[in-house]
Structure formats: structure tokens, C-alpha cells
Amino acid sequence: MANTYKPGEKAGRSGQYEIVGPRGGRTGIERTVVKNEPFPPTLKPGQQYQMVDPTKNGSGRKK
């Protein structure tokens, strides 16, 4: 299974994250999380976040 993140952990990258169940089942619910901000609480205990679409704006890149 891809990297998952628990509520309250800080995001390593900005983008869209989907809430997944304890065994990796997809919920279809996505949240936008900004780099270094904590993940919000999930709807049910045991759920986590999984990156589905990273931000493509190029911020943070060296010129």
C-alpha cells in the first residue's frame, strides 16, 4: 500500500489526499492539505490519508 498519513501528522507535500479505511479501502473523500500543515481529523477512527494528486504549481523549486 502507498504511504499513508495519520490525522495530526504534518504533510510532507501539498496536494489532494484521499481518506482511506484501516485496510486501505478508498472512500472517495478528498481533502486539500498544504505542506507542513497537520492533516485534519478523519470521519471515523482508524482512517488515514493517502496522496492522490500532488500540487503542480512549482513552489519551493530552486531557480
C-alpha atoms as a PDB file:
ATOM      1  CA  MET A   1       0.000   0.000   0.000  1.00  0.00           C
ATOM      2  CA  ALA A   2       1.196   3.546  -0.715  1.00  0.00           C
ATOM      3  CA  ASN A   3       2.338   5.860   2.063  1.00  0.00           C
ATOM      4  CA  THR A   4      -0.447   6.758   4.445  1.00  0.00           C
ATOM      5  CA  TYR A   5      -0.594   9.567   6.976  1.00  0.00           C
ATOM      6  CA  LYS A   6      -2.474   9.762  10.253  1.00  0.00           C
ATOM      7  CA  PRO A   7      -4.586  12.741  11.334  1.00  0.00           C
ATOM      8  CA  GLY A   8      -2.388  15.326  13.067  1.00  0.00           C
ATOM      9  CA  GLU A   9       0.786  14.376  11.167  1.00  0.00           C
ATOM     10  CA  LYS A  10       2.380  17.138   9.103  1.00  0.00           C
ATOM     11  CA  ALA A  11       2.117  16.860   5.330  1.00  0.00           C
ATOM     12  CA  GLY A  12       5.425  16.493   3.506  1.00  0.00           C
ATOM     13  CA  ARG A  13       3.913  17.788   0.258  1.00  0.00           C
ATOM     14  CA  SER A  14       0.940  19.926  -0.735  1.00  0.00           C
ATOM     15  CA  GLY A  15      -1.875  18.295  -2.663  1.00  0.00           C
ATOM     16  CA  GLN A  16      -5.101  16.314  -2.609  1.00  0.00           C
ATOM     17  CA  TYR A  17      -5.246  13.444  -0.121  1.00  0.00           C
ATOM     18  CA  GLU A  18      -7.960  10.799  -0.049  1.00  0.00           C
ATOM     19  CA  ILE A  19      -9.269   9.334   3.192  1.00  0.00           C
ATOM     20  CA  VAL A  20      -8.725   5.562   3.202  1.00  0.00           C
ATOM     21  CA  GLY A  21     -10.041   2.931   5.575  1.00  0.00           C
ATOM     22  CA  PRO A  22      -7.973   0.857   8.030  1.00  0.00           C
ATOM     23  CA  ARG A  23      -7.369  -1.839   5.395  1.00  0.00           C
ATOM     24  CA  GLY A  24      -6.759   0.611   2.542  1.00  0.00           C
ATOM     25  CA  GLY A  25     -10.289   0.796   1.152  1.00  0.00           C
ATOM     26  CA  ARG A  26     -10.993   4.001  -0.745  1.00  0.00           C
ATOM     27  CA  THR A  27     -13.748   6.346   0.449  1.00  0.00           C
ATOM     28  CA  GLY A  28     -13.785   8.860  -2.414  1.00  0.00           C
ATOM     29  CA  ILE A  29     -13.480  11.710   0.093  1.00  0.00           C
ATOM     30  CA  GLU A  30     -10.553  14.060  -0.527  1.00  0.00           C
ATOM     31  CA  ARG A  31      -9.016  16.899   1.438  1.00  0.00           C
ATOM     32  CA  THR A  32      -6.551  19.557   0.276  1.00  0.00           C
ATOM     33  CA  VAL A  33      -3.565  19.733   2.610  1.00  0.00           C
ATOM     34  CA  VAL A  34      -0.729  22.272   2.466  1.00  0.00           C
ATOM     35  CA  LYS A  35       2.915  21.292   3.063  1.00  0.00           C
ATOM     36  CA  ASN A  36       3.933  21.354   6.760  1.00  0.00           C
ATOM     37  CA  GLU A  37       0.310  21.687   7.913  1.00  0.00           C
ATOM     38  CA  PRO A  38      -1.299  18.916  10.013  1.00  0.00           C
ATOM     39  CA  PHE A  39      -3.827  16.545   8.483  1.00  0.00           C
ATOM     40  CA  PRO A  40      -7.387  17.206   9.724  1.00  0.00           C
ATOM     41  CA  PRO A  41      -9.366  14.646  11.747  1.00  0.00           C
ATOM     42  CA  THR A  42     -10.957  11.810   9.770  1.00  0.00           C
ATOM     43  CA  LEU A  43     -14.628  10.876   9.846  1.00  0.00           C
ATOM     44  CA  LYS A  44     -14.099   7.535  11.626  1.00  0.00           C
ATOM     45  CA  PRO A  45     -11.385   6.059  13.872  1.00  0.00           C
ATOM     46  CA  GLY A  46      -8.660   4.115  12.066  1.00  0.00           C
ATOM     47  CA  GLN A  47      -8.890   6.061   8.813  1.00  0.00           C
ATOM     48  CA  GLN A  48      -5.803   7.664   7.286  1.00  0.00           C
ATOM     49  CA  TYR A  49      -4.810   9.849   4.329  1.00  0.00           C
ATOM     50  CA  GLN A  50      -3.182   8.845   1.043  1.00  0.00           C
ATOM     51  CA  MET A  51      -1.839  11.240  -1.634  1.00  0.00           C
ATOM     52  CA  VAL A  52      -3.832  11.136  -4.867  1.00  0.00           C
ATOM     53  CA  ASP A  53      -2.883  14.391  -6.645  1.00  0.00           C
ATOM     54  CA  PRO A  54       0.212  16.463  -5.747  1.00  0.00           C
ATOM     55  CA  THR A  55       0.140  20.215  -6.304  1.00  0.00           C
ATOM     56  CA  LYS A  56       1.763  21.186  -9.601  1.00  0.00           C
ATOM     57  CA  ASN A  57       2.493  24.894  -9.066  1.00  0.00           C
ATOM     58  CA  GLY A  58       6.287  24.585  -8.745  1.00  0.00           C
ATOM     59  CA  SER A  59       6.527  26.451  -5.453  1.00  0.00           C
ATOM     60  CA  GLY A  60       9.635  25.654  -3.486  1.00  0.00           C
ATOM     61  CA  ARG A  61      11.748  24.834  -6.531  1.00  0.00           C
ATOM     62  CA  LYS A  62      15.123  26.487  -6.940  1.00  0.00           C
ATOM     63  CA  LYS A  63      15.508  28.747  -9.956  1.00  0.00           C
END
